């Protein structure tokens, strides 16, 4: 696959077919994706104010907020049916829900076809045109979602409310709630998390607080500002992916496919410019941090003067959301292994003191920045209060769109089920947050140990990037609190796997992340009309996980069964030799 992307000539039959290839197919796919997104604005806006439906309205505008209607934007899809049966609010919501998901599914199909065209059919001279249309499609689709008078997630008002709490009221978002401090503010009334303390890192709190100093308690400016920020970060991320791939010596075809896989991914557009989630901003910091890591690696990764900028930027990413902490662990592992000179330096000759010194300096830099960022919020509070503050947000104790939530719903349907049977014991264990906390710790520990082994064998940028991506993927599989926009982290980092030699596991991981970006949108699906009798979440969860796992396994097995005509090479060793040669040249 990697060779096909690099050369575009994986077989003689493909070479013959290239002369008949036309870039119009890719252009058609991009335009069709934009049309799907344009049409989706109609049902999204229709679901804005339906009144009480009794359903879990994941796609709806908060009551008390009315964005401009913009009929010139939402009118293109007015031919879409408003309901299939009755015209009551429930039927209207379910119809709009189906239409949005079907349009996004069509966009994903077109996205896959366009990616296939770039990899298999595009000629080298067509690459600049393809990239130009990719940018046009991403910008136009992003602007459509920015202006859409409707919402999926309402998180941008959560950000604005916490920012208002800090900027306008000077309160501490980690020890107080908007409801306690700013009960009369309009943002508090439309914020669904107004009774919870902030679950976000201090970097994001500072940014949100700065915006509140300018725009105060008015919801409408935030409705567009956070969306424009999401679009800006989305476009910047696309640029950073291309820059990283180009810096690592990839061909223009590979650079283009890597940028395309991110830029026109429907989930990224839906959760970035429309959802305005801070996960996109966190991904920007991670991508820029990896870009600085690759630059530092060329100059000599083990020198503090070379690696500290990358570590600072990656730390800022962690201080937006803590879920990116595996990146820091792998950074330290690769730094230690590179300093020791593994795997070529004999153990007795390894500079252990230098390695410990480097890890201590890097760890102290990370801890120092984190402490400095949190210090204004921790002053005046005891250690016990500080520790408890990390467990107060609902995401630290509840469950959403996960196996834990499935088990909780199962037990709600069977309130008399005891834990003395095997099924009952398993259900009660899976519905317990303490159990999942232990699972998270175990998974993190195992992945770090495996990462340490890989870093010892190959202390390279490949290990840093792929190890971080794999760990964050596994965390999402076992987390009790999951939403579709969490997959943003994976889609942002997945194209970076094209920067390195790809083995079976790497290809399977890339495919898993891309398929997961499509199946994760099932979290928005409402299955009430199927009358499953309370099993909707379980069916939705297993469908969401089935397709990416199946796709990843099939790609891995296909790579294992495929007979490669060339001599087998250790991808990690080749990558390590290349990096060593680059550093030696410097």
Protein backbone atom coordinates (compact mmCIF):
# COMPACT_ATOMS: atom_id res chain seq x y z
CA UNK A 1 0.00 0.00 0.00
CA UNK A 2 2.78 2.42 0.94
CA UNK A 3 4.65 1.72 -2.27
CA UNK A 4 1.48 2.18 -4.29
CA UNK A 5 0.90 5.59 -2.75
CA UNK A 6 4.51 6.66 -3.26
CA UNK A 7 4.85 5.64 -6.89
CA UNK A 8 1.32 5.22 -8.16
CA UNK A 9 2.59 2.20 -10.14
CA UNK A 10 1.87 -0.88 -8.12
CA UNK A 11 1.22 -3.06 -11.17
CA UNK A 12 1.44 -3.01 -14.95
CA UNK A 13 -2.35 -3.04 -15.28
CA UNK A 14 -2.56 0.10 -13.16
CA UNK A 15 0.09 1.76 -15.32
CA UNK A 16 -1.96 1.05 -18.41
CA UNK A 17 -5.09 2.38 -16.73
CA UNK A 18 -3.39 5.62 -15.71
CA UNK A 19 -3.53 7.11 -19.16
CA UNK A 20 -7.31 6.86 -19.06
CA UNK A 21 -7.56 8.41 -15.59
CA UNK A 22 -9.10 11.85 -15.32
CA UNK A 23 -9.11 14.18 -12.32
CA UNK A 24 -12.77 14.95 -12.98
CA UNK A 25 -13.85 11.96 -10.92
CA UNK A 26 -12.13 13.30 -7.82
CA UNK A 27 -13.51 16.79 -8.51
CA UNK A 28 -16.99 15.33 -8.84
CA UNK A 29 -16.61 13.53 -5.50
CA UNK A 30 -15.47 16.73 -3.76
CA UNK A 31 -18.38 18.73 -5.19
CA UNK A 32 -20.81 15.95 -4.24
CA UNK A 33 -19.47 15.96 -0.67
CA UNK A 34 -20.09 19.71 -0.51
CA UNK A 35 -23.64 19.18 -1.84
CA UNK A 36 -24.34 16.54 0.83
CA UNK A 37 -23.18 18.95 3.52
CA UNK A 38 -25.22 21.79 2.02
CA UNK A 39 -28.37 19.64 1.98
CA UNK A 40 -27.78 18.54 5.58
CA UNK A 41 -28.17 22.13 6.76
CA UNK A 42 -31.93 21.88 6.13
CA UNK A 43 -32.72 19.06 8.58
CA UNK A 44 -30.16 20.43 11.07
CA UNK A 45 -31.93 23.78 11.11
CA UNK A 46 -35.37 22.10 11.26
CA UNK A 47 -34.40 20.34 14.48
CA UNK A 48 -33.55 23.65 16.10
CA UNK A 49 -36.81 24.22 17.96
CA UNK A 50 -39.29 21.37 17.95
CA UNK A 51 -40.55 21.74 21.47
CA UNK A 52 -40.54 18.85 23.92
CA UNK A 53 -40.21 15.46 22.21
CA UNK A 54 -39.34 13.22 25.13
CA UNK A 55 -36.27 12.01 23.20
CA UNK A 56 -32.57 12.49 23.79
CA UNK A 57 -32.07 15.36 21.38
CA UNK A 58 -28.42 15.14 20.40
CA UNK A 59 -29.05 17.36 17.35
CA UNK A 60 -30.95 20.42 18.55
CA UNK A 61 -30.42 24.09 19.36
CA UNK A 62 -30.62 24.98 23.07
CA UNK A 63 -33.90 26.50 24.13
CA UNK A 64 -33.54 30.22 24.62
CA UNK A 65 -31.18 30.69 21.71
CA UNK A 66 -32.21 31.49 18.13
CA UNK A 67 -29.49 31.92 15.48
CA UNK A 68 -30.25 33.76 12.22
CA UNK A 69 -32.40 31.60 9.92
CA UNK A 70 -30.37 32.12 6.69
CA UNK A 71 -32.94 30.61 4.27
CA UNK A 72 -30.56 31.19 1.33
CA UNK A 73 -28.35 28.49 2.93
CA UNK A 74 -30.89 26.05 4.33
CA UNK A 75 -33.39 26.35 1.48
CA UNK A 76 -31.51 24.03 -0.87
CA UNK A 77 -32.84 20.98 0.96
CA UNK A 78 -36.39 22.08 1.59
CA UNK A 79 -37.55 19.31 -0.78
CA UNK A 80 -36.45 16.79 1.88
CA UNK A 81 -39.53 15.40 3.67
CA UNK A 82 -40.20 16.85 7.10
CA UNK A 83 -41.79 13.62 8.30
CA UNK A 84 -42.73 10.18 7.00
CA UNK A 85 -45.77 9.46 9.18
CA UNK A 86 -47.19 11.89 11.72
CA UNK A 87 -46.33 15.57 12.00
CA UNK A 88 -45.80 15.52 15.77
CA UNK A 89 -42.42 16.66 17.19
CA UNK A 90 -41.20 13.08 17.69
CA UNK A 91 -41.78 12.16 14.04
CA UNK A 92 -40.20 15.41 12.87
CA UNK A 93 -37.11 14.80 14.98
CA UNK A 94 -36.67 11.17 13.94
CA UNK A 95 -37.09 12.04 10.25
CA UNK A 96 -34.52 14.83 10.43
CA UNK A 97 -32.17 12.57 12.37
CA UNK A 98 -32.31 9.91 9.64
CA UNK A 99 -31.80 12.45 6.86
CA UNK A 100 -28.71 13.98 8.49
CA UNK A 101 -27.07 10.59 9.05
CA UNK A 102 -27.90 9.39 5.51
CA UNK A 103 -26.39 12.53 3.98
CA UNK A 104 -23.26 12.11 6.09
CA UNK A 105 -23.09 8.44 5.09
CA UNK A 106 -23.25 9.45 1.42
CA UNK A 107 -20.47 11.98 2.07
CA UNK A 108 -18.34 9.19 3.57
CA UNK A 109 -18.89 6.97 0.52
CA UNK A 110 -17.81 9.81 -1.78
CA UNK A 111 -14.86 10.50 0.52
CA UNK A 112 -13.73 6.87 0.23
CA UNK A 113 -14.10 6.86 -3.57
CA UNK A 114 -12.08 10.06 -3.90
CA UNK A 115 -9.33 8.68 -1.64
CA UNK A 116 -9.21 5.50 -3.74
CA UNK A 117 -8.88 7.60 -6.90
CA UNK A 118 -5.95 9.58 -5.46
CA UNK A 119 -4.13 6.43 -4.36
CA UNK A 120 -4.76 4.21 -7.36
CA UNK A 121 -5.67 6.30 -10.37
CA UNK A 122 -4.34 9.84 -10.11
CA UNK A 123 -1.40 10.73 -12.33
CA UNK A 124 1.53 12.74 -10.94
CA UNK A 125 0.69 15.79 -13.05
CA UNK A 126 -2.87 15.77 -11.63
CA UNK A 127 -1.74 16.03 -8.00
CA UNK A 128 -1.61 19.88 -7.85
CA UNK A 129 -5.14 20.10 -9.29
CA UNK A 130 -6.39 17.48 -6.83
CA UNK A 131 -4.89 19.37 -3.92
CA UNK A 132 -6.38 22.65 -5.12
CA UNK A 133 -9.88 21.14 -5.23
CA UNK A 134 -9.30 19.53 -1.85
CA UNK A 135 -8.68 22.98 -0.35
CA UNK A 136 -11.71 24.44 -2.13
CA UNK A 137 -13.94 21.63 -0.87
CA UNK A 138 -12.68 21.88 2.71
CA UNK A 139 -13.07 25.67 2.86
CA UNK A 140 -16.54 25.76 1.26
CA UNK A 141 -17.87 22.82 3.31
CA UNK A 142 -16.38 24.33 6.46
CA UNK A 143 -17.99 27.72 5.84
CA UNK A 144 -21.36 26.06 5.21
CA UNK A 145 -21.20 24.36 8.58
CA UNK A 146 -19.95 27.53 10.30
CA UNK A 147 -23.04 29.43 9.11
CA UNK A 148 -25.56 26.60 9.60
CA UNK A 149 -28.41 27.88 11.84
CA UNK A 150 -28.56 24.72 13.93
CA UNK A 151 -26.35 22.60 16.15
CA UNK A 152 -25.38 19.04 16.89
CA UNK A 153 -23.36 19.22 20.09
CA UNK A 154 -23.91 22.25 22.33
CA UNK A 155 -20.39 22.17 23.77
CA UNK A 156 -19.46 25.59 22.43
CA UNK A 157 -21.89 27.14 24.91
CA UNK A 158 -20.28 25.08 27.66
CA UNK A 159 -16.93 26.62 26.68
CA UNK A 160 -18.47 30.10 26.60
CA UNK A 161 -20.12 29.65 30.00
CA UNK A 162 -16.90 28.54 31.70
CA UNK A 163 -15.10 31.42 29.99
CA UNK A 164 -17.77 33.81 31.28
CA UNK A 165 -17.33 32.33 34.75
CA UNK A 166 -13.60 33.14 34.66
CA UNK A 167 -13.51 36.34 32.63
CA UNK A 168 -16.64 38.17 33.74
CA UNK A 169 -17.01 36.88 37.31
CA UNK A 170 -13.41 36.03 38.24
CA UNK A 171 -14.53 32.69 39.66
CA UNK A 172 -12.66 29.39 39.73
CA UNK A 173 -14.15 26.90 37.20
CA UNK A 174 -12.56 23.90 38.95
CA UNK A 175 -14.16 24.53 42.36
CA UNK A 176 -17.37 26.37 41.46
CA UNK A 177 -20.05 26.00 38.80
CA UNK A 178 -21.75 28.57 36.54
CA UNK A 179 -25.05 27.84 38.27
CA UNK A 180 -23.56 28.83 41.64
CA UNK A 181 -21.86 32.02 40.48
CA UNK A 182 -23.70 33.28 37.37
CA UNK A 183 -27.24 32.00 37.82
CA UNK A 184 -28.83 34.98 36.04
CA UNK A 185 -26.51 34.96 33.02
CA UNK A 186 -28.04 33.89 29.71
CA UNK A 187 -25.16 31.53 28.95
CA UNK A 188 -25.84 29.65 32.18
CA UNK A 189 -29.46 29.02 31.16
CA UNK A 190 -28.51 27.48 27.79
CA UNK A 191 -25.47 25.56 29.10
CA UNK A 192 -26.29 21.92 29.77
CA UNK A 193 -23.26 21.60 32.08
CA UNK A 194 -23.97 24.67 34.21
CA UNK A 195 -24.14 22.57 37.39
CA UNK A 196 -20.75 20.91 36.85
CA UNK A 197 -17.21 22.18 37.27
CA UNK A 198 -14.90 22.37 34.26
CA UNK A 199 -13.49 19.16 32.80
CA UNK A 200 -11.08 21.02 30.51
CA UNK A 201 -7.45 21.94 31.00
CA UNK A 202 -6.25 25.41 31.97
CA UNK A 203 -5.02 26.31 28.48
CA UNK A 204 -8.56 26.07 27.16
CA UNK A 205 -9.96 27.87 30.22
CA UNK A 206 -7.58 30.78 29.61
CA UNK A 207 -8.62 30.97 25.96
CA UNK A 208 -12.34 30.86 26.78
CA UNK A 209 -11.88 33.42 29.55
CA UNK A 210 -10.07 35.79 27.19
CA UNK A 211 -12.95 35.63 24.71
CA UNK A 212 -15.46 36.40 27.47
CA UNK A 213 -13.63 39.65 28.25
CA UNK A 214 -14.54 40.79 24.74
CA UNK A 215 -18.01 39.33 24.15
CA UNK A 216 -19.46 39.07 27.64
CA UNK A 217 -22.67 37.08 28.11
CA UNK A 218 -24.03 37.28 24.55
CA UNK A 219 -24.47 33.77 23.04
CA UNK A 220 -24.59 34.74 19.36
CA UNK A 221 -20.95 35.90 19.01
CA UNK A 222 -19.74 32.65 20.58
CA UNK A 223 -21.94 30.67 18.19
CA UNK A 224 -19.81 31.90 15.29
CA UNK A 225 -16.45 32.58 16.99
CA UNK A 226 -15.91 29.03 18.24
CA UNK A 227 -17.03 27.69 14.88
CA UNK A 228 -14.61 29.94 13.00
CA UNK A 229 -11.91 28.81 15.42
CA UNK A 230 -12.82 25.20 14.61
CA UNK A 231 -12.57 25.89 10.87
CA UNK A 232 -9.26 27.75 11.25
CA UNK A 233 -7.79 24.87 13.27
CA UNK A 234 -9.15 22.37 10.74
CA UNK A 235 -7.40 24.12 7.85
CA UNK A 236 -4.22 24.60 9.88
CA UNK A 237 -4.22 20.90 10.76
CA UNK A 238 -4.47 20.03 7.08
CA UNK A 239 -1.46 22.23 6.37
CA UNK A 240 0.54 20.70 9.26
CA UNK A 241 -0.18 17.16 8.06
CA UNK A 242 1.11 18.07 4.60
CA UNK A 243 4.16 19.76 6.08
CA UNK A 244 5.04 16.76 8.25
CA UNK A 245 4.67 14.32 5.36
CA UNK A 246 6.79 16.54 3.13
CA UNK A 247 9.46 16.99 5.84
CA UNK A 248 9.81 13.22 6.17
CA UNK A 249 10.51 12.93 2.44
CA UNK A 250 7.19 11.58 1.22
CA UNK A 251 6.15 12.04 -2.40
CA UNK A 252 3.63 14.70 -3.41
CA UNK A 253 1.06 11.95 -3.96
CA UNK A 254 1.47 10.76 -0.37
CA UNK A 255 1.39 14.32 0.93
CA UNK A 256 -1.86 14.90 -0.95
CA UNK A 257 -3.60 11.72 0.20
CA UNK A 258 -2.58 12.39 3.81
CA UNK A 259 -3.99 15.91 3.67
CA UNK A 260 -7.14 14.71 1.93
CA UNK A 261 -7.86 11.97 4.48
CA UNK A 262 -8.09 14.68 7.12
CA UNK A 263 -9.40 17.74 5.26
CA UNK A 264 -12.54 16.23 3.73
CA UNK A 265 -13.34 13.63 6.35
CA UNK A 266 -17.07 14.27 7.03
CA UNK A 267 -16.67 13.66 10.77
CA UNK A 268 -13.92 16.29 10.98
CA UNK A 269 -16.12 18.83 9.19
CA UNK A 270 -19.17 17.92 11.29
CA UNK A 271 -17.38 18.11 14.64
CA UNK A 272 -14.96 20.94 13.74
CA UNK A 273 -16.60 23.85 11.91
CA UNK A 274 -20.10 22.77 13.05
CA UNK A 275 -19.49 21.30 16.50
CA UNK A 276 -16.59 23.66 17.32
CA UNK A 277 -15.06 21.12 19.70
CA UNK A 278 -11.80 21.91 21.45
CA UNK A 279 -10.53 18.49 20.35
CA UNK A 280 -9.67 20.11 17.00
CA UNK A 281 -7.63 22.80 18.79
CA UNK A 282 -5.89 20.12 20.86
CA UNK A 283 -5.09 18.24 17.63
CA UNK A 284 -3.50 21.41 16.22
CA UNK A 285 -1.10 21.54 19.16
CA UNK A 286 -0.31 17.83 18.86
CA UNK A 287 0.39 18.07 15.13
CA UNK A 288 2.58 21.12 15.58
CA UNK A 289 4.36 19.35 18.42
CA UNK A 290 5.08 16.34 16.19
CA UNK A 291 6.28 18.68 13.47
CA UNK A 292 8.76 20.19 15.94
CA UNK A 293 9.77 16.68 17.08
CA UNK A 294 10.70 15.69 13.52
CA UNK A 295 12.69 18.92 13.13
CA UNK A 296 14.44 18.27 16.45
CA UNK A 297 15.22 14.71 15.38
CA UNK A 298 17.13 15.99 12.35
CA UNK A 299 19.20 18.29 14.55
CA UNK A 300 19.73 15.83 17.38
CA UNK A 301 16.73 14.81 19.45
CA UNK A 302 18.66 14.16 22.66
CA UNK A 303 19.78 17.77 23.10
CA UNK A 304 17.57 19.95 25.28
CA UNK A 305 17.95 22.97 23.02
CA UNK A 306 16.45 20.93 20.16
CA UNK A 307 13.59 19.08 21.85
CA UNK A 308 12.23 21.63 24.34
CA UNK A 309 10.03 23.55 21.85
CA UNK A 310 8.30 20.32 20.84
CA UNK A 311 7.78 19.29 24.46
CA UNK A 312 6.32 22.70 25.36
CA UNK A 313 3.77 22.55 22.51
CA UNK A 314 2.80 18.94 23.29
CA UNK A 315 2.37 19.91 26.94
CA UNK A 316 0.02 22.72 25.94
CA UNK A 317 -2.01 20.13 24.02
CA UNK A 318 -2.30 17.98 27.14
CA UNK A 319 -3.43 21.06 29.08
CA UNK A 320 -6.38 21.41 26.71
CA UNK A 321 -7.56 17.85 27.31
CA UNK A 322 -5.77 15.29 29.47
CA UNK A 323 -6.56 12.44 27.09
CA UNK A 324 -3.47 13.30 25.04
CA UNK A 325 -1.15 12.42 27.94
CA UNK A 326 0.11 9.24 26.15
CA UNK A 327 2.02 11.55 23.78
CA UNK A 328 4.15 12.77 26.70
CA UNK A 329 4.84 9.21 27.87
CA UNK A 330 6.03 8.15 24.43
CA UNK A 331 8.06 11.34 24.09
CA UNK A 332 9.95 10.46 27.28
CA UNK A 333 10.38 6.82 26.23
CA UNK A 334 11.82 7.72 22.83
CA UNK A 335 14.02 10.40 24.39
CA UNK A 336 15.45 7.93 26.90
CA UNK A 337 16.03 5.21 24.30
CA UNK A 338 17.69 7.62 21.88
CA UNK A 339 19.99 8.88 24.61
CA UNK A 340 20.94 5.30 25.50
CA UNK A 341 21.63 4.52 21.85
CA UNK A 342 19.40 1.45 21.70
CA UNK A 343 19.38 -1.10 20.22
CA UNK A 344 22.95 -0.95 18.85
CA UNK A 345 24.89 0.17 21.94
CA UNK A 346 25.83 -2.65 24.38
CA UNK A 347 24.01 -2.35 27.71
CA UNK A 348 27.21 -1.87 29.69
CA UNK A 349 28.29 0.99 27.45
CA UNK A 350 24.98 2.85 27.51
CA UNK A 351 25.08 6.39 29.00
CA UNK A 352 22.55 5.74 31.73
CA UNK A 353 23.30 8.95 33.61
CA UNK A 354 22.73 11.06 30.49
CA UNK A 355 19.45 9.25 29.79
CA UNK A 356 18.17 9.76 33.33
CA UNK A 357 19.23 13.39 33.20
CA UNK A 358 17.38 13.96 29.91
CA UNK A 359 14.19 12.30 31.18
CA UNK A 360 14.30 14.24 34.45
CA UNK A 361 14.79 17.55 32.63
CA UNK A 362 11.97 16.80 30.15
CA UNK A 363 9.67 15.53 32.91
CA UNK A 364 10.41 18.59 35.05
CA UNK A 365 9.67 20.87 32.09
CA UNK A 366 6.30 19.17 31.54
CA UNK A 367 5.43 19.24 35.25
CA UNK A 368 6.60 22.85 35.61
CA UNK A 369 4.44 24.11 32.74
CA UNK A 370 1.42 22.16 34.03
CA UNK A 371 1.91 23.47 37.57
CA UNK A 372 2.36 27.04 36.35
CA UNK A 373 -0.87 26.78 34.31
CA UNK A 374 -2.89 25.36 37.21
CA UNK A 375 -1.35 27.44 39.99
CA UNK A 376 -3.75 30.43 39.76
CA UNK A 377 -6.66 28.02 40.22
CA UNK A 378 -5.06 25.96 43.01
CA UNK A 379 -3.95 28.78 45.29
CA UNK A 380 -5.95 28.67 48.52
CA UNK A 381 -7.05 25.04 48.10
CA UNK A 382 -5.69 22.01 49.89
CA UNK A 383 -4.24 18.93 48.23
CA UNK A 384 -7.37 16.92 48.98
CA UNK A 385 -9.60 19.54 47.34
CA UNK A 386 -7.38 19.63 44.28
CA UNK A 387 -7.45 15.86 43.88
CA UNK A 388 -11.24 15.75 44.31
CA UNK A 389 -11.71 18.51 41.71
CA UNK A 390 -10.55 16.14 38.97
CA UNK A 391 -13.37 13.74 39.84
CA UNK A 392 -16.27 16.20 40.01
CA UNK A 393 -17.12 16.57 36.27
CA UNK A 394 -19.71 14.06 35.01
CA UNK A 395 -17.16 12.62 32.56
CA UNK A 396 -15.11 11.43 35.56
CA UNK A 397 -17.94 9.48 37.18
CA UNK A 398 -20.67 8.84 34.59
CA UNK A 399 -20.97 6.87 31.36
CA UNK A 400 -22.03 7.73 27.81
CA UNK A 401 -22.03 5.73 24.55
CA UNK A 402 -19.95 2.96 26.08
CA UNK A 403 -20.09 -0.62 27.26
CA UNK A 404 -20.57 0.66 30.79
CA UNK A 405 -23.67 2.56 29.70
CA UNK A 406 -24.95 -0.52 27.88
CA UNK A 407 -24.57 -2.55 31.09
CA UNK A 408 -26.33 0.16 33.11
CA UNK A 409 -29.28 0.13 30.71
CA UNK A 410 -29.35 -3.68 30.83
CA UNK A 411 -29.63 -3.63 34.62
CA UNK A 412 -32.31 -0.93 34.52
CA UNK A 413 -34.46 -3.30 32.49
CA UNK A 414 -33.77 -6.07 35.04
CA UNK A 415 -33.84 -4.39 38.45
CA UNK A 416 -34.20 -7.72 40.23
CA UNK A 417 -31.10 -9.29 38.63
CA UNK A 418 -28.63 -10.45 41.29
CA UNK A 419 -24.88 -10.63 40.93
CA UNK A 420 -24.70 -14.28 42.05
CA UNK A 421 -25.11 -15.56 38.47
CA UNK A 422 -22.39 -15.25 35.83
CA UNK A 423 -24.43 -12.88 33.65
CA UNK A 424 -25.50 -10.81 36.64
CA UNK A 425 -21.95 -10.59 37.97
CA UNK A 426 -20.62 -9.47 34.57
CA UNK A 427 -23.40 -6.88 34.16
CA UNK A 428 -22.84 -5.40 37.63
CA UNK A 429 -19.08 -5.29 37.07
CA UNK A 430 -19.41 -3.58 33.68
CA UNK A 431 -21.86 -1.05 35.12
CA UNK A 432 -19.40 -0.05 37.87
CA UNK A 433 -17.23 3.02 37.22
CA UNK A 434 -14.60 1.75 39.64
CA UNK A 435 -14.15 -1.34 37.47
CA UNK A 436 -13.57 0.79 34.38
CA UNK A 437 -11.13 3.03 36.25
CA UNK A 438 -9.05 -0.06 36.98
CA UNK A 439 -9.36 -1.14 33.35
CA UNK A 440 -8.16 2.28 32.19
CA UNK A 441 -5.14 2.13 34.50
CA UNK A 442 -4.35 -1.42 33.40
CA UNK A 443 -4.67 -0.59 29.72
CA UNK A 444 -2.51 2.51 30.11
CA UNK A 445 0.13 0.52 32.00
CA UNK A 446 0.24 -2.28 29.44
CA UNK A 447 0.43 0.08 26.49
CA UNK A 448 3.25 2.05 28.13
CA UNK A 449 5.18 -1.19 28.76
CA UNK A 450 4.67 -2.29 25.17
CA UNK A 451 5.66 1.20 24.06
CA UNK A 452 8.83 1.00 26.14
CA UNK A 453 9.71 -2.27 24.42
CA UNK A 454 9.15 -0.77 20.97
CA UNK A 455 11.06 2.37 21.92
CA UNK A 456 13.98 0.18 23.05
CA UNK A 457 13.96 -1.68 19.74
CA UNK A 458 13.40 1.41 17.58
CA UNK A 459 13.68 4.83 19.25
CA UNK A 460 12.35 6.71 16.23
CA UNK A 461 9.73 9.26 15.31
CA UNK A 462 7.71 6.37 13.94
CA UNK A 463 7.50 4.87 17.42
CA UNK A 464 6.54 8.23 18.91
CA UNK A 465 3.72 8.91 16.45
CA UNK A 466 2.30 5.42 15.98
CA UNK A 467 2.69 4.53 19.65
CA UNK A 468 0.78 7.65 20.68
CA UNK A 469 -1.95 7.01 18.10
CA UNK A 470 -2.33 3.33 19.05
CA UNK A 471 -2.54 4.13 22.77
CA UNK A 472 -5.15 6.85 22.27
CA UNK A 473 -7.13 4.44 20.09
CA UNK A 474 -7.12 1.75 22.76
CA UNK A 475 -8.16 4.29 25.40
CA UNK A 476 -11.20 5.22 23.32
CA UNK A 477 -12.16 1.56 23.06
CA UNK A 478 -12.34 1.12 26.84
CA UNK A 479 -13.39 4.57 28.00
CA UNK A 480 -16.77 4.69 29.79
CA UNK A 481 -17.38 8.24 28.54
CA UNK A 482 -17.36 8.50 24.73
CA UNK A 483 -18.63 10.92 22.10
CA UNK A 484 -18.03 10.90 18.37
CA UNK A 485 -15.85 14.03 18.43
CA UNK A 486 -13.23 12.14 20.46
CA UNK A 487 -12.33 10.34 17.22
CA UNK A 488 -11.02 13.72 16.02
CA UNK A 489 -7.75 12.89 17.83
CA UNK A 490 -7.36 9.70 15.82
CA UNK A 491 -8.21 11.15 12.41
CA UNK A 492 -5.78 14.02 12.98
CA UNK A 493 -2.87 11.67 13.75
CA UNK A 494 -3.75 8.76 11.45
CA UNK A 495 -2.44 10.41 8.22
CA UNK A 496 0.97 10.77 9.89
CA UNK A 497 1.38 6.99 9.64
CA UNK A 498 2.00 7.57 5.92
CA UNK A 499 5.22 9.37 6.85
CA UNK A 500 6.90 6.08 7.82
CA UNK A 501 7.31 2.54 6.44
CA UNK A 502 4.02 0.72 6.98
CA UNK A 503 3.62 -2.75 8.36
CA UNK A 504 0.44 -4.78 8.72
CA UNK A 505 -0.42 -3.35 12.12
CA UNK A 506 0.13 0.22 10.95
CA UNK A 507 -2.12 -0.23 7.92
CA UNK A 508 -4.76 -1.91 10.07
CA UNK A 509 -4.57 0.98 12.55
CA UNK A 510 -4.99 3.56 9.79
CA UNK A 511 -8.03 1.78 8.35
CA UNK A 512 -9.52 1.29 11.81
CA UNK A 513 -9.30 5.03 12.57
CA UNK A 514 -10.87 6.05 9.26
CA UNK A 515 -13.75 3.55 9.52
CA UNK A 516 -14.23 4.51 13.17
CA UNK A 517 -14.65 8.13 12.09
CA UNK A 518 -17.70 7.02 10.07
CA UNK A 519 -19.21 4.55 12.54
CA UNK A 520 -18.80 6.92 15.51
CA UNK A 521 -21.55 9.11 14.02
CA UNK A 522 -23.97 6.38 15.07
CA UNK A 523 -23.86 8.01 18.51
CA UNK A 524 -26.24 10.57 17.00
CA UNK A 525 -28.69 7.91 15.75
CA UNK A 526 -31.99 7.60 17.55
CA UNK A 527 -33.49 4.10 17.20
CA UNK A 528 -36.79 4.69 19.00
CA UNK A 529 -38.81 4.05 15.85
CA UNK A 530 -37.51 0.44 15.72
CA UNK A 531 -39.09 -0.28 19.11
CA UNK A 532 -36.22 -2.36 20.43
CA UNK A 533 -37.60 -2.19 23.94
CA UNK A 534 -34.69 -0.43 25.64
CA UNK A 535 -31.88 -2.12 23.69
CA UNK A 536 -31.23 0.86 21.39
CA UNK A 537 -27.95 1.88 23.02
CA UNK A 538 -26.59 -1.66 23.00
CA UNK A 539 -27.35 -2.14 19.31
CA UNK A 540 -25.94 1.27 18.46
CA UNK A 541 -22.77 0.64 20.48
CA UNK A 542 -22.00 -2.75 18.95
CA UNK A 543 -22.65 -1.47 15.43
CA UNK A 544 -20.34 1.47 16.10
CA UNK A 545 -17.51 -0.82 17.23
CA UNK A 546 -18.14 -3.74 14.86
CA UNK A 547 -17.29 -2.07 11.55
CA UNK A 548 -13.91 -0.49 12.47
CA UNK A 549 -12.74 -3.62 14.32
CA UNK A 550 -13.79 -5.84 11.41
CA UNK A 551 -12.12 -3.54 8.87
CA UNK A 552 -8.89 -3.42 10.87
CA UNK A 553 -8.78 -7.21 11.29
CA UNK A 554 -9.45 -7.82 7.59
CA UNK A 555 -6.69 -5.42 6.53
CA UNK A 556 -4.27 -7.08 8.94
CA UNK A 557 -5.14 -10.60 7.73
CA UNK A 558 -4.94 -9.51 4.09
CA UNK A 559 -1.46 -8.14 4.68
CA UNK A 560 -0.46 -11.33 6.40
CA UNK A 561 -1.75 -13.60 3.64
CA UNK A 562 -0.44 -11.50 0.79
CA UNK A 563 2.84 -12.79 -0.58
CA UNK A 564 5.28 -9.98 -1.04
CA UNK A 565 7.66 -10.57 -3.95
CA UNK A 566 10.35 -8.35 -2.48
CA UNK A 567 12.58 -9.46 0.44
CA UNK A 568 10.94 -8.76 3.79
CA UNK A 569 12.43 -5.77 5.58
CA UNK A 570 12.05 -4.70 9.16
CA UNK A 571 10.26 -1.37 8.79
CA UNK A 572 11.33 -0.15 12.19
CA UNK A 573 15.00 -0.98 11.51
CA UNK A 574 14.92 0.78 8.16
CA UNK A 575 13.35 3.82 9.79
CA UNK A 576 15.96 3.78 12.56
CA UNK A 577 18.86 3.54 10.11
CA UNK A 578 17.45 6.50 8.14
CA UNK A 579 17.14 8.61 11.28
CA UNK A 580 20.63 7.71 12.48
CA UNK A 581 22.06 8.61 9.11
CA UNK A 582 20.27 11.95 9.16
CA UNK A 583 21.55 12.78 12.63
CA UNK A 584 25.07 11.63 11.77
CA UNK A 585 25.08 13.87 8.72
CA UNK A 586 24.23 16.82 10.92
